[in-house]
Amino acid sequence: MEFAIVDGWLDAARRLQSPNCDARPAGTVIDLLVVHGISLPPGEYGGGWIDDFFMNCLDPAVHPYFAAICSLKVSAHLLVRRDGSMTQYVPFHMRAWHAGESSFAGKTACNDFSIGIELEGCDELDYDARQYHALADVARTLMKAYPDITRDRIVGHCHIAPQRKTDPGQAFQWQRLYTLLG
């Protein structure tokens, strides 16, 4: 399936505009797609906690883990839930705050030139087939809109920040994604 991108927004995604974004540096070429994994609380799926986190309204009293992260100002461009449904938080032409301290192919500050997609999941548990299909569809759409994103420039958070991050984790099946990309 191919989606449309209109003014930086994916037509198939629910839209919630996160305040945690800004303009990319002038002249930046978007040429990297970063796959992440997230679940809030860790290992639990469903609910609106990821939305709340990216919108800066995560209630620290709800869960002990939330108290440790509620002051962080982070976002991603897109979240793919377990059922394949999507929420977009930042238009693709803007810089989302998903990668943190990072580097790829000798370039640092990957937020500047990447698009970040979160998959609802965790490192140790299998991702849902619907997520792989949605991710592949989105990736093909992004590769068409941003031709400098190629198959070898679709990476995990673990690849751009290996000292800090492990997501999307060992449960993520890279070959499955590549097969679906065609």
C-alpha atoms as a PDB file:
ATOM      1  CA  MET A   1       0.000   0.000   0.000  1.00  0.00           C
ATOM      2  CA  GLU A   2       1.220   3.475  -0.760  1.00  0.00           C
ATOM      3  CA  PHE A   3       0.298   6.458   1.334  1.00  0.00           C
ATOM      4  CA  ALA A   4       0.297  10.138   0.529  1.00  0.00           C
ATOM      5  CA  ILE A   5       2.281  12.771   2.387  1.00  0.00           C
ATOM      6  CA  VAL A   6       0.553  16.145   2.489  1.00  0.00           C
ATOM      7  CA  ASP A   7       2.395  19.086   4.050  1.00  0.00           C
ATOM      8  CA  GLY A   8       4.651  16.635   5.868  1.00  0.00           C
ATOM      9  CA  TRP A   9       1.784  14.544   7.287  1.00  0.00           C
ATOM     10  CA  LEU A  10       0.986  10.949   6.374  1.00  0.00           C
ATOM     11  CA  ASP A  11      -2.614  10.716   5.211  1.00  0.00           C
ATOM     12  CA  ALA A  12      -3.175   7.316   6.865  1.00  0.00           C
ATOM     13  CA  ALA A  13      -2.060   8.399  10.332  1.00  0.00           C
ATOM     14  CA  ARG A  14      -3.944   9.970  13.188  1.00  0.00           C
ATOM     15  CA  ARG A  15      -2.375  13.361  13.907  1.00  0.00           C
ATOM     16  CA  LEU A  16      -1.228  14.709  17.284  1.00  0.00           C
ATOM     17  CA  GLN A  17       1.251  17.579  16.972  1.00  0.00           C
ATOM     18  CA  SER A  18       4.011  17.253  19.572  1.00  0.00           C
ATOM     19  CA  PRO A  19       5.684  20.408  20.835  1.00  0.00           C
ATOM     20  CA  ASN A  20       8.960  18.469  20.887  1.00  0.00           C
ATOM     21  CA  CYS A  21      10.268  19.376  17.471  1.00  0.00           C
ATOM     22  CA  ASP A  22      11.915  22.221  15.620  1.00  0.00           C
ATOM     23  CA  ALA A  23      13.226  23.184  12.211  1.00  0.00           C
ATOM     24  CA  ARG A  24      15.975  21.144  10.636  1.00  0.00           C
ATOM     25  CA  PRO A  25      19.205  22.985   9.855  1.00  0.00           C
ATOM     26  CA  ALA A  26      19.057  24.858   6.554  1.00  0.00           C
ATOM     27  CA  GLY A  27      19.979  22.746   3.554  1.00  0.00           C
ATOM     28  CA  THR A  28      19.544  19.433   5.378  1.00  0.00           C
ATOM     29  CA  VAL A  29      18.907  16.392   3.198  1.00  0.00           C
ATOM     30  CA  ILE A  30      16.686  13.801   4.882  1.00  0.00           C
ATOM     31  CA  ASP A  31      18.500  10.543   4.204  1.00  0.00           C
ATOM     32  CA  LEU A  32      18.013   8.203   7.181  1.00  0.00           C
ATOM     33  CA  LEU A  33      15.082   6.277   8.650  1.00  0.00           C
ATOM     34  CA  VAL A  34      15.490   5.211  12.282  1.00  0.00           C
ATOM     35  CA  VAL A  35      13.340   2.405  13.707  1.00  0.00           C
ATOM     36  CA  HIS A  36      12.679   2.498  17.445  1.00  0.00           C
ATOM     37  CA  GLY A  37      10.752   0.385  19.926  1.00  0.00           C
ATOM     38  CA  ILE A  38       8.713   1.796  22.802  1.00  0.00           C
ATOM     39  CA  SER A  39       6.208   0.556  25.352  1.00  0.00           C
ATOM     40  CA  LEU A  40       4.837   2.455  28.316  1.00  0.00           C
ATOM     41  CA  PRO A  41       5.060   1.236  30.969  1.00  0.00           C
ATOM     42  CA  PRO A  42       7.899  -0.991  29.753  1.00  0.00           C
ATOM     43  CA  GLY A  43       6.591  -4.285  28.399  1.00  0.00           C
ATOM     44  CA  GLU A  44       2.944  -3.154  28.400  1.00  0.00           C
ATOM     45  CA  TYR A  45       0.939  -2.292  25.304  1.00  0.00           C
ATOM     46  CA  GLY A  46      -2.153  -0.218  24.623  1.00  0.00           C
ATOM     47  CA  GLY A  47      -3.425   2.901  26.279  1.00  0.00           C
ATOM     48  CA  GLY A  48      -2.472   6.484  25.635  1.00  0.00           C
ATOM     49  CA  TRP A  49       0.785   6.694  27.546  1.00  0.00           C
ATOM     50  CA  ILE A  50       3.003   7.030  24.484  1.00  0.00           C
ATOM     51  CA  ASP A  51       0.818   9.870  23.215  1.00  0.00           C
ATOM     52  CA  ASP A  52       1.020  11.526  26.628  1.00  0.00           C
ATOM     53  CA  PHE A  53       4.808  11.112  26.703  1.00  0.00           C
ATOM     54  CA  PHE A  54       5.327  12.737  23.300  1.00  0.00           C
ATOM     55  CA  MET A  55       2.824  15.506  24.172  1.00  0.00           C
ATOM     56  CA  ASN A  56       4.534  16.335  27.525  1.00  0.00           C
ATOM     57  CA  CYS A  57       1.538  15.351  29.626  1.00  0.00           C
ATOM     58  CA  LEU A  58       2.607  11.992  31.072  1.00  0.00           C
ATOM     59  CA  ASP A  59       1.303  11.763  34.649  1.00  0.00           C
ATOM     60  CA  PRO A  60       4.187  10.743  36.956  1.00  0.00           C
ATOM     61  CA  ALA A  61       1.741   9.460  39.593  1.00  0.00           C
ATOM     62  CA  VAL A  62       0.304   6.738  37.342  1.00  0.00           C
ATOM     63  CA  HIS A  63       3.355   4.449  37.298  1.00  0.00           C
ATOM     64  CA  PRO A  64       6.778   4.605  39.021  1.00  0.00           C
ATOM     65  CA  TYR A  65       8.563   4.477  35.649  1.00  0.00           C
ATOM     66  CA  PHE A  66       6.670   7.559  34.479  1.00  0.00           C
ATOM     67  CA  ALA A  67       8.150   9.629  37.315  1.00  0.00           C
ATOM     68  CA  ALA A  68      11.623   8.979  35.903  1.00  0.00           C
ATOM     69  CA  ILE A  69      10.782  10.005  32.328  1.00  0.00           C
ATOM     70  CA  CYS A  70       7.942  12.545  32.506  1.00  0.00           C
ATOM     71  CA  SER A  71      10.271  15.553  32.322  1.00  0.00           C
ATOM     72  CA  LEU A  72      11.989  14.368  29.130  1.00  0.00           C
ATOM     73  CA  LYS A  73      11.172  16.303  25.983  1.00  0.00           C
ATOM     74  CA  VAL A  74      11.130  13.699  23.223  1.00  0.00           C
ATOM     75  CA  SER A  75       9.097  12.789  20.171  1.00  0.00           C
ATOM     76  CA  ALA A  76       9.132  10.723  17.030  1.00  0.00           C
ATOM     77  CA  HIS A  77       7.666  11.404  13.661  1.00  0.00           C
ATOM     78  CA  LEU A  78       5.411   8.362  13.728  1.00  0.00           C
ATOM     79  CA  LEU A  79       4.215   5.572  16.029  1.00  0.00           C
ATOM     80  CA  VAL A  80       3.035   2.214  14.685  1.00  0.00           C
ATOM     81  CA  ARG A  81       0.888   0.444  17.268  1.00  0.00           C
ATOM     82  CA  ARG A  82       0.584  -3.333  17.643  1.00  0.00           C
ATOM     83  CA  ASP A  83      -2.477  -3.425  15.366  1.00  0.00           C
ATOM     84  CA  GLY A  84      -0.702  -1.455  12.623  1.00  0.00           C
ATOM     85  CA  SER A  85      -2.565   1.785  13.294  1.00  0.00           C
ATOM     86  CA  MET A  86      -0.426   4.910  13.187  1.00  0.00           C
ATOM     87  CA  THR A  87      -0.139   8.242  14.956  1.00  0.00           C
ATOM     88  CA  GLN A  88       2.059  11.014  13.609  1.00  0.00           C
ATOM     89  CA  TYR A  89       3.461  13.596  16.037  1.00  0.00           C
ATOM     90  CA  VAL A  90       5.854  15.639  13.905  1.00  0.00           C
ATOM     91  CA  PRO A  91       5.654  16.489  10.191  1.00  0.00           C
ATOM     92  CA  PHE A  92       8.430  14.741   8.286  1.00  0.00           C
ATOM     93  CA  HIS A  93      10.115  17.946   7.148  1.00  0.00           C
ATOM     94  CA  MET A  94      10.563  19.032  10.791  1.00  0.00           C
ATOM     95  CA  ARG A  95      13.154  17.667  13.235  1.00  0.00           C
ATOM     96  CA  ALA A  96      11.677  15.268  15.796  1.00  0.00           C
ATOM     97  CA  TRP A  97      13.638  14.643  18.991  1.00  0.00           C
ATOM     98  CA  HIS A  98      13.990  10.860  18.790  1.00  0.00           C
ATOM     99  CA  ALA A  99      17.645   9.938  18.325  1.00  0.00           C
ATOM    100  CA  GLY A 100      19.494  11.843  21.031  1.00  0.00           C
ATOM    101  CA  GLU A 101      23.264  11.695  20.910  1.00  0.00           C
ATOM    102  CA  SER A 102      23.851   9.645  17.786  1.00  0.00           C
ATOM    103  CA  SER A 103      25.888   9.161  14.639  1.00  0.00           C
ATOM    104  CA  PHE A 104      25.616   7.352  11.326  1.00  0.00           C
ATOM    105  CA  ALA A 105      28.181   7.045   8.529  1.00  0.00           C
ATOM    106  CA  GLY A 106      30.399   9.656  10.144  1.00  0.00           C
ATOM    107  CA  LYS A 107      27.635  12.222  10.669  1.00  0.00           C
ATOM    108  CA  THR A 108      26.534  13.123  14.193  1.00  0.00           C
ATOM    109  CA  ALA A 109      23.210  14.518  15.441  1.00  0.00           C
ATOM    110  CA  CYS A 110      21.001  12.104  13.494  1.00  0.00           C
ATOM    111  CA  ASN A 111      17.843  14.027  14.442  1.00  0.00           C
ATOM    112  CA  ASP A 112      18.965  16.640  11.928  1.00  0.00           C
ATOM    113  CA  PHE A 113      18.735  14.334   8.893  1.00  0.00           C
ATOM    114  CA  SER A 114      16.538  11.413   9.929  1.00  0.00           C
ATOM    115  CA  ILE A 115      12.932  10.378  10.300  1.00  0.00           C
ATOM    116  CA  GLY A 116      12.125   8.442  13.475  1.00  0.00           C
ATOM    117  CA  ILE A 117       9.462   5.741  13.573  1.00  0.00           C
ATOM    118  CA  GLU A 118       8.504   4.108  16.862  1.00  0.00           C
ATOM    119  CA  LEU A 119       7.045   0.613  16.947  1.00  0.00           C
ATOM    120  CA  GLU A 120       4.970  -0.230  19.995  1.00  0.00           C
ATOM    121  CA  GLY A 121       6.995  -3.064  21.427  1.00  0.00           C
ATOM    122  CA  CYS A 122      10.069  -4.034  23.374  1.00  0.00           C
ATOM    123  CA  ASP A 123      13.432  -5.610  22.651  1.00  0.00           C
ATOM    124  CA  GLU A 124      12.573  -9.135  23.785  1.00  0.00           C
ATOM    125  CA  LEU A 125       9.064  -9.777  22.441  1.00  0.00           C
ATOM    126  CA  ASP A 126       8.062 -10.301  18.831  1.00  0.00           C
ATOM    127  CA  TYR A 127       6.591  -7.388  16.955  1.00  0.00           C
ATOM    128  CA  ASP A 128       3.198  -7.949  15.329  1.00  0.00           C
ATOM    129  CA  ALA A 129       2.954  -8.827  11.627  1.00  0.00           C
ATOM    130  CA  ARG A 130       0.682  -5.814  11.117  1.00  0.00           C
ATOM    131  CA  GLN A 131       3.489  -3.559  12.338  1.00  0.00           C
ATOM    132  CA  TYR A 132       5.930  -4.947   9.783  1.00  0.00           C
ATOM    133  CA  HIS A 133       3.417  -4.384   6.977  1.00  0.00           C
ATOM    134  CA  ALA A 134       2.644  -0.820   8.119  1.00  0.00           C
ATOM    135  CA  LEU A 135       6.342  -0.026   8.574  1.00  0.00           C
ATOM    136  CA  ALA A 136       7.191  -1.361   5.115  1.00  0.00           C
ATOM    137  CA  ASP A 137       4.353   0.651   3.548  1.00  0.00           C
ATOM    138  CA  VAL A 138       5.480   3.815   5.324  1.00  0.00           C
ATOM    139  CA  ALA A 139       9.132   3.189   4.474  1.00  0.00           C
ATOM    140  CA  ARG A 140       8.319   2.777   0.757  1.00  0.00           C
ATOM    141  CA  THR A 141       6.305   6.003   0.861  1.00  0.00           C
ATOM    142  CA  LEU A 142       9.157   7.844   2.586  1.00  0.00           C
ATOM    143  CA  MET A 143      11.751   6.417   0.183  1.00  0.00           C
ATOM    144  CA  LYS A 144       9.723   7.821  -2.694  1.00  0.00           C
ATOM    145  CA  ALA A 145       9.305  11.235  -1.038  1.00  0.00           C
ATOM    146  CA  TYR A 146      12.908  11.346   0.213  1.00  0.00           C
ATOM    147  CA  PRO A 147      14.959   9.387  -2.365  1.00  0.00           C
ATOM    148  CA  ASP A 148      18.161   9.655  -0.311  1.00  0.00           C
ATOM    149  CA  ILE A 149      16.585   7.197   2.145  1.00  0.00           C
ATOM    150  CA  THR A 150      17.629   3.846   0.722  1.00  0.00           C
ATOM    151  CA  ARG A 151      17.375   0.313   2.152  1.00  0.00           C
ATOM    152  CA  ASP A 152      20.869   0.572   3.620  1.00  0.00           C
ATOM    153  CA  ARG A 153      19.842   3.803   5.345  1.00  0.00           C
ATOM    154  CA  ILE A 154      17.015   2.189   7.342  1.00  0.00           C
ATOM    155  CA  VAL A 155      18.527   1.456  10.734  1.00  0.00           C
ATOM    156  CA  GLY A 156      17.639   0.857  14.348  1.00  0.00           C
ATOM    157  CA  HIS A 157      18.203   3.201  17.249  1.00  0.00           C
ATOM    158  CA  CYS A 158      20.732   0.592  18.370  1.00  0.00           C
ATOM    159  CA  HIS A 159      22.797   1.256  15.234  1.00  0.00           C
ATOM    160  CA  ILE A 160      23.086   5.028  15.681  1.00  0.00           C
ATOM    161  CA  ALA A 161      23.500   5.076  19.483  1.00  0.00           C
ATOM    162  CA  PRO A 162      24.961   1.652  20.346  1.00  0.00           C
ATOM    163  CA  GLN A 163      26.388   2.723  23.695  1.00  0.00           C
ATOM    164  CA  ARG A 164      22.988   3.961  24.902  1.00  0.00           C
ATOM    165  CA  LYS A 165      20.197   2.165  23.056  1.00  0.00           C
ATOM    166  CA  THR A 166      19.187  -1.379  22.147  1.00  0.00           C
ATOM    167  CA  ASP A 167      15.872  -0.814  20.354  1.00  0.00           C
ATOM    168  CA  PRO A 168      14.140  -2.068  18.347  1.00  0.00           C
ATOM    169  CA  GLY A 169      15.920  -5.041  19.913  1.00  0.00           C
ATOM    170  CA  GLN A 170      16.813  -8.607  19.081  1.00  0.00           C
ATOM    171  CA  ALA A 171      13.146  -9.486  18.516  1.00  0.00           C
ATOM    172  CA  PHE A 172      12.964  -7.161  15.499  1.00  0.00           C
ATOM    173  CA  GLN A 173      13.289  -9.139  12.258  1.00  0.00           C
ATOM    174  CA  TRP A 174      15.248  -6.969   9.843  1.00  0.00           C
ATOM    175  CA  GLN A 175      15.098  -9.545   7.039  1.00  0.00           C
ATOM    176  CA  ARG A 176      11.315  -9.626   7.338  1.00  0.00           C
ATOM    177  CA  LEU A 177      11.205  -5.858   6.821  1.00  0.00           C
ATOM    178  CA  TYR A 178      13.601  -6.031   3.848  1.00  0.00           C
ATOM    179  CA  THR A 179      11.486  -8.783   2.240  1.00  0.00           C
ATOM    180  CA  LEU A 180       8.346  -6.674   2.611  1.00  0.00           C
ATOM    181  CA  LEU A 181      10.109  -3.660   1.118  1.00  0.00           C
ATOM    182  CA  GLY A 182      10.537  -5.697  -2.057  1.00  0.00           C
END
